[in-house]
Amino acid sequence: MPAYQYRCCTCDTSFEVRRGITEPAAVSNPCPGGHTDTSRVFTAVAVSRAGSSSASTTPTPSGGGACCGGGCCG
């Protein structure tokens, strides 16, 4: 089951939601504090080909900044 990262725009808490891939993404995901103003945080995934010597094994952090980078704050 995939895990999706979210951030609360009210209390700035990060949390994870596990949801089946066939479940709708538009389902409300309140934070652990009960706030409903949340944004999904997109994270980068490192992918490499088998046998490739140039593939990096170090994960690369994604930019974007969740709430304030995603436009739900102020």
Protein backbone atom coordinates (compact mmCIF):
# COMPACT_ATOMS: atom_id res chain seq x y z
CA MET A 1 0.00 0.00 0.00
CA PRO A 2 1.52 3.36 -1.01
CA ALA A 3 2.31 5.99 1.62
CA TYR A 4 1.68 9.66 0.88
CA GLN A 5 3.27 12.56 2.78
CA TYR A 6 1.13 15.51 3.85
CA ARG A 7 1.79 18.74 5.74
CA CYS A 8 -0.74 20.68 7.80
CA CYS A 9 -0.94 24.36 6.85
CA THR A 10 -2.37 25.26 10.26
CA CYS A 11 0.10 23.59 12.67
CA ASP A 12 2.95 22.77 10.21
CA THR A 13 2.91 19.07 11.16
CA SER A 14 4.12 16.49 8.64
CA PHE A 15 2.29 13.18 8.54
CA GLU A 16 1.90 10.10 6.37
CA VAL A 17 -1.27 8.55 4.96
CA ARG A 18 -1.34 4.97 3.66
CA ARG A 19 -3.99 4.48 1.03
CA GLY A 20 -4.64 1.93 -1.69
CA ILE A 21 -3.62 3.01 -5.16
CA THR A 22 -7.22 2.69 -6.38
CA GLU A 23 -8.63 4.96 -3.64
CA PRO A 24 -9.40 8.52 -4.76
CA ALA A 25 -6.74 11.15 -4.01
CA ALA A 26 -9.38 13.78 -3.24
CA VAL A 27 -10.29 12.13 0.07
CA SER A 28 -9.89 14.55 3.00
CA ASN A 29 -6.77 13.86 5.06
CA PRO A 30 -6.87 15.76 8.36
CA CYS A 31 -3.64 16.07 10.35
CA PRO A 32 -3.17 14.25 13.69
CA GLY A 33 -4.27 17.51 15.39
CA GLY A 34 -7.60 17.41 13.52
CA HIS A 35 -6.95 20.33 11.12
CA THR A 36 -8.32 19.87 7.62
CA ASP A 37 -6.17 22.48 5.79
CA THR A 38 -3.52 20.05 4.51
CA SER A 39 -1.40 19.74 1.36
CA ARG A 40 0.20 16.70 -0.17
CA VAL A 41 4.01 16.86 -0.28
CA PHE A 42 5.53 15.46 -3.45
CA THR A 43 8.74 13.55 -2.83
CA ALA A 44 11.37 12.51 -5.35
CA VAL A 45 12.04 8.84 -5.93
CA ALA A 46 15.53 7.63 -6.87
CA VAL A 47 15.43 5.21 -9.78
CA SER A 48 18.39 3.39 -11.26
CA ARG A 49 18.91 0.80 -13.96
CA ALA A 50 20.47 -2.52 -13.04
CA GLY A 51 24.13 -2.62 -14.04
CA SER A 52 24.44 1.13 -14.58
CA SER A 53 27.65 2.45 -13.06
CA SER A 54 26.55 6.09 -13.27
CA ALA A 55 23.38 5.70 -11.16
CA SER A 56 23.44 7.48 -7.83
CA THR A 57 22.43 5.58 -4.70
CA THR A 58 22.05 8.74 -2.64
CA PRO A 59 18.44 9.98 -2.44
CA THR A 60 17.93 13.49 -3.73
CA PRO A 61 15.66 15.68 -1.61
CA SER A 62 12.83 17.28 -3.50
CA GLY A 63 12.11 20.98 -3.42
CA GLY A 64 8.67 22.46 -3.41
CA GLY A 65 8.17 23.18 0.26
CA ALA A 66 4.72 21.62 0.84
CA CYS A 67 2.26 24.22 2.12
CA CYS A 68 4.05 27.51 1.62
CA GLY A 69 5.69 26.30 -1.59
CA GLY A 70 2.40 24.81 -2.72
CA GLY A 71 0.39 27.96 -2.18
CA CYS A 72 -1.99 27.01 0.64
CA CYS A 73 -0.45 29.41 3.19
CA GLY A 74 -1.42 33.06 3.29
